[in-house]
Amino acid sequence: MYLTIDGIEKSFLNEKKESIKVLDEINIEVEKGSFVSIVGPSGCGKSTLLYLIAGLDKADKGEIRVAGKKVMKPGPERVVVFQEAGLFPWLTVLENVTYGLKLKKMPKEEAKSKALDILKMVHLSRYVDSYPHQLSGGMKQRVAIARALVMEPDILLMDEPFSALDEQTRMVLHKELLEIWRKTKVTIFFVTHNIREAVQLSEKIIVFATRPGKIKETISVPSMKDGVMPDSVTLNTEQRVLSILQEEIEKVLKEEMGNDYSFKTNHIHRDDSGDMGSHI
C-alpha cells in the first residue's frame, strides 16, 4: 500500500490537564491514486489524523508510512488544503500559486509556466493578476487548491475545504476536484462532516466512531458511470453511512446535553447536506 496508518493513537490534555484520548488504534491502508474520505461525529479525531499524516503533529503510538518511509515531519509529497484558503492578501493569484515554487528556488519563468498550467486547470486563467479580496470564496479555495497542486504532491490532504461555501459553489468545486483527481492521479485523503459530499467524491468512505476516534466501518462507494452516480445509489449510500453513525450521534448528544437529552432514534432524518460534527 502507498499510505499506511498503523496502530495510531493520540491524546491531548484538556483544560484540567487530564489526558483525553482522541484516536485509538487507527489502521488504514490507502492505495496510490485513490480518493478516500473520512466522516464522523464532532470530536472523533478526523482532522487530527490528517495533521498526523501531514507531519504537523506526532502520534503517541503507531506510525504512518508513505511509500514505505515513516512520516517524521512535513514533506513536499504531502500538501494540505485547509478549510480557510489562507492566501497572502498582498500577493496576486499568480504570486500566491508560485510562492512555494519560489521557496524551492525554481527559476521564475519555469514557476510561472507551471502555475499558469495549474490555474488553467482550476479555471482561473483570467484572474492571475487579481488579489484575494477581489475573489469570491469559491475562487479563493480554487487558488488554494492550485497552490497545493503546483507543488506536485503525491498526497493531497484536504481538511473540510468546502465547508464554508454555499451549496451551489460547493457543487461546482466537487466537479472540478474530481476532474483534477482524474487528470493528476494524485492520492486524496479528504476529511468532511458532509455525508453527501463524501459519497459523491470518494471511492472509499471511512466512518469514525466518537471519541476516542475508532474506525467503525469502511464503505466502498459504487463506481460512477460516465462520472455520474444515479440518485438512488447516492441516497442508499448516504442512508447507509447515516445508519452507521446513528449511535455515535446519540453518544455525542448525550455528552453535550446531559439531563436535557431527549433524543429519539427514529427522529434522525437525512437533511440536504448530511452535516455531522466538523473540524476535529
Protein backbone atom coordinates (compact mmCIF):
# COMPACT_ATOMS: atom_id res chain seq x y z
CA MET A 1 0.00 0.00 0.00
CA TYR A 2 1.12 3.56 -0.68
CA LEU A 3 -0.15 5.20 2.54
CA THR A 4 -0.14 3.00 5.64
CA ILE A 5 -1.54 4.14 9.01
CA ASP A 6 -0.52 1.54 11.56
CA GLY A 7 -1.82 1.44 15.14
CA ILE A 8 -2.08 5.21 15.56
CA GLU A 9 -3.08 6.55 18.98
CA LYS A 10 -3.20 10.20 20.04
CA SER A 11 -4.22 12.03 23.22
CA PHE A 12 -4.46 15.69 24.25
CA LEU A 13 -4.60 17.44 27.61
CA ASN A 14 -7.86 19.21 28.46
CA GLU A 15 -8.20 22.42 30.48
CA LYS A 16 -7.91 20.35 33.68
CA LYS A 17 -4.63 18.84 32.43
CA GLU A 18 -6.34 15.48 32.06
CA SER A 19 -5.30 13.22 29.18
CA ILE A 20 -8.14 12.75 26.67
CA LYS A 21 -7.64 10.08 24.02
CA VAL A 22 -8.71 11.33 20.58
CA LEU A 23 -7.55 8.46 18.35
CA ASP A 24 -7.40 4.82 19.36
CA GLU A 25 -5.71 2.07 17.31
CA ILE A 26 -6.29 3.51 13.83
CA ASN A 27 -5.27 1.21 10.99
CA ILE A 28 -5.81 2.32 7.39
CA GLU A 29 -4.27 1.37 4.07
CA VAL A 30 -4.65 3.65 1.07
CA GLU A 31 -3.69 2.72 -2.48
CA LYS A 32 -1.81 5.20 -4.64
CA GLY A 33 -4.12 7.40 -6.71
CA SER A 34 -7.25 6.65 -4.69
CA PHE A 35 -9.79 9.08 -3.20
CA VAL A 36 -10.61 8.32 0.44
CA SER A 37 -12.91 10.31 2.74
CA ILE A 38 -13.33 10.25 6.50
CA VAL A 39 -16.66 11.14 8.14
CA GLY A 40 -17.68 11.04 11.77
CA PRO A 41 -19.27 12.99 14.61
CA SER A 42 -17.76 16.02 16.29
CA GLY A 43 -14.61 15.28 18.27
CA CYS A 44 -13.82 11.92 16.67
CA GLY A 45 -10.32 12.89 15.51
CA LYS A 46 -10.83 13.28 11.76
CA SER A 47 -8.70 16.40 11.37
CA THR A 48 -6.22 15.21 13.99
CA LEU A 49 -5.45 12.16 11.85
CA LEU A 50 -4.99 14.33 8.78
CA TYR A 51 -2.48 16.54 10.62
CA LEU A 52 -0.58 13.44 11.71
CA ILE A 53 -0.35 12.29 8.09
CA ALA A 54 0.86 15.77 7.12
CA GLY A 55 3.56 15.58 9.77
CA LEU A 56 2.18 18.65 11.56
CA ASP A 57 1.79 16.68 14.79
CA LYS A 58 3.17 13.45 16.24
CA ALA A 59 1.28 10.36 17.34
CA ASP A 60 1.67 8.92 20.82
CA LYS A 61 1.80 5.40 19.42
CA GLY A 62 1.98 3.75 16.00
CA GLU A 63 3.41 5.05 12.76
CA ILE A 64 2.42 6.43 9.39
CA ARG A 65 4.32 5.44 6.25
CA VAL A 66 4.24 6.85 2.74
CA ALA A 67 5.75 4.57 0.10
CA GLY A 68 7.33 2.60 2.94
CA LYS A 69 9.01 5.65 4.50
CA LYS A 70 7.98 6.68 8.01
CA VAL A 71 6.45 10.16 8.32
CA MET A 72 8.55 12.18 10.76
CA LYS A 73 7.85 15.77 9.67
CA PRO A 74 6.08 17.76 6.92
CA GLY A 75 7.23 16.97 3.41
CA PRO A 76 6.60 18.19 -0.15
CA GLU A 77 4.94 14.89 -1.08
CA ARG A 78 2.11 15.67 1.39
CA VAL A 79 0.33 19.01 0.95
CA VAL A 80 -2.64 20.24 2.99
CA VAL A 81 -5.64 22.27 1.81
CA PHE A 82 -7.39 23.76 4.84
CA GLN A 83 -10.94 24.99 5.39
CA GLU A 84 -9.74 28.59 5.01
CA ALA A 85 -7.84 29.38 1.82
CA GLY A 86 -5.07 31.19 3.75
CA LEU A 87 -3.91 33.27 0.79
CA PHE A 88 -1.44 36.13 1.17
CA PRO A 89 -3.61 39.24 0.65
CA TRP A 90 -0.71 41.34 -0.67
CA LEU A 91 0.08 38.84 -3.45
CA THR A 92 -1.78 38.30 -6.72
CA VAL A 93 -3.31 34.94 -7.62
CA LEU A 94 -0.25 34.04 -9.69
CA GLU A 95 2.13 35.13 -6.94
CA ASN A 96 0.22 33.10 -4.35
CA VAL A 97 0.40 29.98 -6.51
CA THR A 98 4.09 30.38 -7.29
CA TYR A 99 5.05 31.17 -3.67
CA GLY A 100 6.04 27.59 -2.80
CA LEU A 101 8.00 27.23 -6.05
CA LYS A 102 9.86 30.42 -5.22
CA LEU A 103 10.89 28.92 -1.88
CA LYS A 104 12.19 25.90 -3.81
CA LYS A 105 14.39 28.28 -5.85
CA MET A 106 12.67 27.31 -9.10
CA PRO A 107 13.53 29.70 -11.96
CA LYS A 108 10.92 32.45 -12.25
CA GLU A 109 9.76 31.69 -15.79
CA GLU A 110 9.52 27.94 -15.11
CA ALA A 111 7.49 28.59 -11.96
CA LYS A 112 5.20 30.97 -13.83
CA SER A 113 4.62 28.46 -16.64
CA LYS A 114 3.85 25.68 -14.18
CA ALA A 115 1.46 27.91 -12.19
CA LEU A 116 -0.38 29.06 -15.31
CA ASP A 117 -0.97 25.44 -16.33
CA ILE A 118 -2.48 24.66 -12.92
CA LEU A 119 -4.58 27.85 -12.88
CA LYS A 120 -5.99 26.86 -16.26
CA MET A 121 -6.94 23.50 -14.78
CA VAL A 122 -8.95 25.21 -12.00
CA HIS A 123 -10.44 27.74 -14.47
CA LEU A 124 -8.74 30.84 -13.07
CA SER A 125 -6.62 31.89 -16.06
CA ARG A 126 -8.45 35.22 -16.27
CA TYR A 127 -7.66 36.12 -12.68
CA VAL A 128 -3.88 35.68 -12.49
CA ASP A 129 -3.35 39.38 -11.68
CA SER A 130 -6.27 39.65 -9.22
CA TYR A 131 -5.82 39.93 -5.47
CA PRO A 132 -7.62 37.71 -2.93
CA HIS A 133 -10.03 40.47 -1.87
CA GLN A 134 -11.28 40.61 -5.47
CA LEU A 135 -12.24 36.92 -5.50
CA SER A 136 -15.29 35.02 -4.31
CA GLY A 137 -14.98 32.36 -1.60
CA GLY A 138 -15.06 29.56 -4.15
CA MET A 139 -12.38 31.22 -6.28
CA LYS A 140 -10.13 31.67 -3.25
CA GLN A 141 -10.41 27.98 -2.47
CA ARG A 142 -9.56 27.12 -6.08
CA VAL A 143 -6.41 29.23 -5.72
CA ALA A 144 -5.57 27.30 -2.55
CA ILE A 145 -6.01 24.01 -4.41
CA ALA A 146 -3.87 25.31 -7.29
CA ARG A 147 -1.18 26.38 -4.82
CA ALA A 148 -1.15 22.84 -3.44
CA LEU A 149 -1.20 21.08 -6.81
CA VAL A 150 1.61 23.18 -8.31
CA MET A 151 3.95 21.52 -5.80
CA GLU A 152 3.12 18.18 -7.47
CA PRO A 153 2.35 16.33 -4.24
CA ASP A 154 1.82 12.59 -4.11
CA ILE A 155 -0.89 13.03 -1.45
CA LEU A 156 -3.38 15.89 -1.25
CA LEU A 157 -4.73 16.20 2.31
CA MET A 158 -7.99 18.16 2.39
CA ASP A 159 -9.49 19.28 5.70
CA GLU A 160 -13.13 20.25 5.10
CA PRO A 161 -12.07 22.53 2.23
CA PHE A 162 -15.59 23.37 1.07
CA SER A 163 -17.48 23.60 4.38
CA ALA A 164 -17.63 27.42 4.40
CA LEU A 165 -19.03 27.64 0.87
CA ASP A 166 -22.62 27.82 -0.32
CA GLU A 167 -24.17 24.70 -1.81
CA GLN A 168 -24.04 25.85 -5.44
CA THR A 169 -20.35 26.79 -5.23
CA ARG A 170 -19.61 23.53 -3.46
CA MET A 171 -21.23 21.53 -6.27
CA VAL A 172 -19.08 23.30 -8.87
CA LEU A 173 -15.90 22.65 -6.89
CA HIS A 174 -16.84 18.99 -6.41
CA LYS A 175 -16.92 18.58 -10.19
CA GLU A 176 -13.63 20.42 -10.63
CA LEU A 177 -11.91 18.43 -7.88
CA LEU A 178 -12.95 15.14 -9.48
CA GLU A 179 -11.63 16.34 -12.85
CA ILE A 180 -8.32 17.33 -11.24
CA TRP A 181 -8.06 13.99 -9.44
CA ARG A 182 -8.64 12.04 -12.65
CA LYS A 183 -6.09 14.14 -14.57
CA THR A 184 -3.33 14.20 -11.97
CA LYS A 185 -3.83 10.75 -10.37
CA VAL A 186 -2.95 12.36 -7.03
CA THR A 187 -3.94 10.44 -3.89
CA ILE A 188 -6.61 12.39 -1.99
CA PHE A 189 -7.31 11.99 1.72
CA PHE A 190 -10.44 14.06 2.37
CA VAL A 191 -11.91 14.98 5.78
CA THR A 192 -15.53 16.11 5.82
CA HIS A 193 -18.60 16.26 8.04
CA ASN A 194 -20.86 16.23 4.99
CA ILE A 195 -22.08 12.74 4.14
CA ARG A 196 -23.32 13.61 0.66
CA GLU A 197 -20.00 15.23 -0.19
CA ALA A 198 -18.15 12.09 0.86
CA VAL A 199 -20.45 9.85 -1.18
CA GLN A 200 -20.24 11.97 -4.33
CA LEU A 201 -16.46 12.35 -4.27
CA SER A 202 -14.94 9.21 -2.78
CA GLU A 203 -14.06 5.70 -3.80
CA LYS A 204 -13.99 4.71 -0.15
CA ILE A 205 -15.52 6.22 3.00
CA ILE A 206 -14.06 5.52 6.44
CA VAL A 207 -16.64 6.07 9.17
CA PHE A 208 -15.25 7.06 12.56
CA ALA A 209 -16.88 6.38 15.91
CA THR A 210 -17.00 9.15 18.51
CA ARG A 211 -14.16 9.91 20.91
CA PRO A 212 -11.85 8.21 21.25
CA GLY A 213 -11.92 8.01 17.47
CA LYS A 214 -12.01 4.49 16.11
CA ILE A 215 -12.86 3.10 12.70
CA LYS A 216 -16.42 1.88 12.87
CA GLU A 217 -16.77 0.76 9.28
CA THR A 218 -15.25 1.22 5.83
CA ILE A 219 -17.60 1.58 2.87
CA SER A 220 -16.70 1.17 -0.79
CA VAL A 221 -18.66 3.61 -2.93
CA PRO A 222 -20.10 2.19 -6.17
CA SER A 223 -18.17 3.40 -9.19
CA MET A 224 -19.78 6.15 -11.22
CA LYS A 225 -20.74 5.58 -14.85
CA ASP A 226 -19.55 8.49 -17.00
CA GLY A 227 -18.83 10.44 -13.81
CA VAL A 228 -22.48 10.48 -12.72
CA MET A 229 -23.87 8.38 -9.91
CA PRO A 230 -27.62 7.56 -10.05
CA ASP A 231 -29.64 9.37 -7.38
CA SER A 232 -30.89 6.07 -5.98
CA VAL A 233 -27.33 4.85 -5.39
CA THR A 234 -26.34 8.18 -3.82
CA LEU A 235 -29.29 8.14 -1.43
CA ASN A 236 -28.83 4.50 -0.48
CA THR A 237 -25.15 5.04 0.27
CA GLU A 238 -25.91 8.19 2.29
CA GLN A 239 -28.51 6.32 4.33
CA ARG A 240 -26.07 3.50 4.97
CA VAL A 241 -23.43 5.92 6.29
CA LEU A 242 -26.00 7.73 8.43
CA SER A 243 -27.34 4.50 9.89
CA ILE A 244 -23.79 3.54 10.91
CA LEU A 245 -23.34 6.93 12.57
CA GLN A 246 -26.72 6.98 14.31
CA GLU A 247 -25.46 5.51 17.59
CA GLU A 248 -22.40 7.78 17.55
CA ILE A 249 -24.54 10.89 17.06
CA GLU A 250 -26.60 9.91 20.08
CA LYS A 251 -23.46 9.48 22.19
CA VAL A 252 -22.30 13.00 21.31
CA LEU A 253 -25.71 14.50 22.06
CA LYS A 254 -25.93 12.74 25.42
CA GLU A 255 -22.47 14.00 26.34
CA GLU A 256 -23.23 17.57 25.28
CA MET A 257 -26.82 17.83 26.59
CA GLY A 258 -26.67 15.73 29.76
CA ASN A 259 -30.04 15.63 31.51
CA ASP A 260 -31.60 17.74 28.76
CA TYR A 261 -31.13 14.89 26.30
CA SER A 262 -34.45 13.62 24.92
CA PHE A 263 -33.38 12.37 21.50
CA LYS A 264 -35.42 9.66 19.79
CA THR A 265 -33.69 7.22 17.47
CA ASN A 266 -36.38 7.49 14.84
CA HIS A 267 -36.06 11.28 14.81
CA ILE A 268 -32.90 11.12 12.73
CA HIS A 269 -33.60 12.37 9.23
CA ARG A 270 -31.21 12.96 6.39
CA ASP A 271 -31.07 16.67 5.59
CA ASP A 272 -29.85 18.19 2.34
CA SER A 273 -26.25 18.47 3.48
CA GLY A 274 -25.75 15.42 5.65
CA ASP A 275 -23.60 17.51 8.00
CA MET A 276 -22.19 15.93 11.12
CA GLY A 277 -19.63 17.41 13.51
CA SER A 278 -16.74 19.23 11.97
CA HIS A 279 -13.06 20.19 12.04
CA ILE A 280 -11.80 17.89 14.82
